[in-house]
Protein backbone atom coordinates (compact mmCIF):
# COMPACT_ATOMS: atom_id res chain seq x y z
CA MET A 1 -5.15 -2.59 14.85
CA SER A 2 -2.64 -2.63 17.33
CA LYS A 3 0.34 0.37 17.78
CA THR A 4 2.59 -2.27 15.98
CA ASP A 5 0.63 -2.22 13.19
CA LEU A 6 0.80 1.24 12.51
CA ASN A 7 4.94 0.73 11.33
CA LEU A 8 5.45 1.84 7.91
CA ARG A 9 8.65 0.73 5.93
CA PRO A 10 9.89 1.58 2.81
CA ILE A 11 9.23 -0.59 -0.06
CA ARG A 12 12.40 -1.84 -1.42
CA ASP A 13 11.92 -5.19 -3.24
CA GLU A 14 9.36 -7.53 -4.51
CA ALA A 15 8.99 -9.39 -0.70
CA ASP A 16 8.59 -5.49 0.28
CA HIS A 17 5.46 -5.24 -1.99
CA GLN A 18 4.29 -8.36 -1.49
CA ALA A 19 4.15 -7.43 2.21
CA ALA A 20 2.49 -3.99 2.18
CA LEU A 21 -0.15 -5.58 -0.48
CA GLN A 22 -1.06 -7.96 1.97
CA ARG A 23 -1.09 -5.38 4.93
CA VAL A 24 -3.89 -2.99 2.48
CA GLU A 25 -5.82 -5.84 1.66
CA ALA A 26 -7.26 -6.22 5.41
CA PHE A 27 -8.20 -2.92 4.75
CA PHE A 28 -10.04 -3.85 1.59
CA ASP A 29 -11.79 -6.54 3.24
CA ALA A 30 -12.77 -4.79 6.50
CA PRO A 31 -16.79 -3.29 6.05
CA GLU A 32 -15.66 0.01 5.64
CA GLU A 33 -12.47 1.93 5.11
CA PRO A 34 -10.97 3.54 8.10
CA ASP A 35 -11.53 7.22 8.91
CA PRO A 36 -8.97 9.10 7.37
CA GLN A 37 -8.79 10.92 10.57
CA SER A 38 -7.70 8.11 12.12
CA ASP A 39 -4.31 6.49 12.67
CA GLU A 40 -5.65 3.09 10.83
CA GLY A 41 -6.90 5.86 8.19
CA ALA A 42 -3.33 7.49 7.96
CA VAL A 43 -1.51 3.79 7.48
CA PHE A 44 -4.30 2.73 4.80
CA GLU A 45 -3.47 6.01 2.67
CA ALA A 46 0.48 5.52 3.45
CA LEU A 47 0.75 2.15 2.37
CA VAL A 48 -1.63 2.85 -0.82
CA THR A 49 0.90 5.72 -1.51
CA LEU A 50 3.89 3.41 -1.07
CA ILE A 51 2.47 0.87 -3.36
CA GLU A 52 1.47 3.05 -5.86
CA ALA A 53 5.07 4.92 -6.16
CA TYR A 54 7.07 1.44 -5.73
CA GLU A 55 4.39 -0.46 -8.91
CA ARG A 56 5.00 3.20 -10.69
CA LYS A 57 8.69 2.48 -10.78
CA HIS A 58 9.03 -1.08 -11.09
CA GLN A 59 6.26 -1.97 -12.90
CA PRO A 60 5.52 0.80 -15.32
CA VAL A 61 2.40 0.94 -17.73
CA LEU A 62 3.86 1.02 -21.07
CA PRO A 63 1.81 3.49 -23.93
CA ARG A 64 0.42 1.39 -26.21
CA GLY A 65 2.27 0.40 -29.46
CA THR A 66 5.61 0.63 -27.45
CA ILE A 67 6.29 -3.43 -27.19
C-alpha cells in the first residue's frame, strides 16, 4: 500500500460510503488482515470504524416489529 493510500476521509454521503467499502474490500481480499501495529492495519481499522458509524447513522437496523 502506498503512502497516498493511507489518507482517510470522512464518509459524508453514499458516494463516500461506496468508496470506503471498495477500499476496505481490498483488505478482506488479501491473504491475511494487515498487522494491527502497521500503517495499513491502522487504515483498515479506521475504515471499518468510519463505515460502521456511517451505516449506524444512515442505515439503522430497526428493532423487530417496529415496521
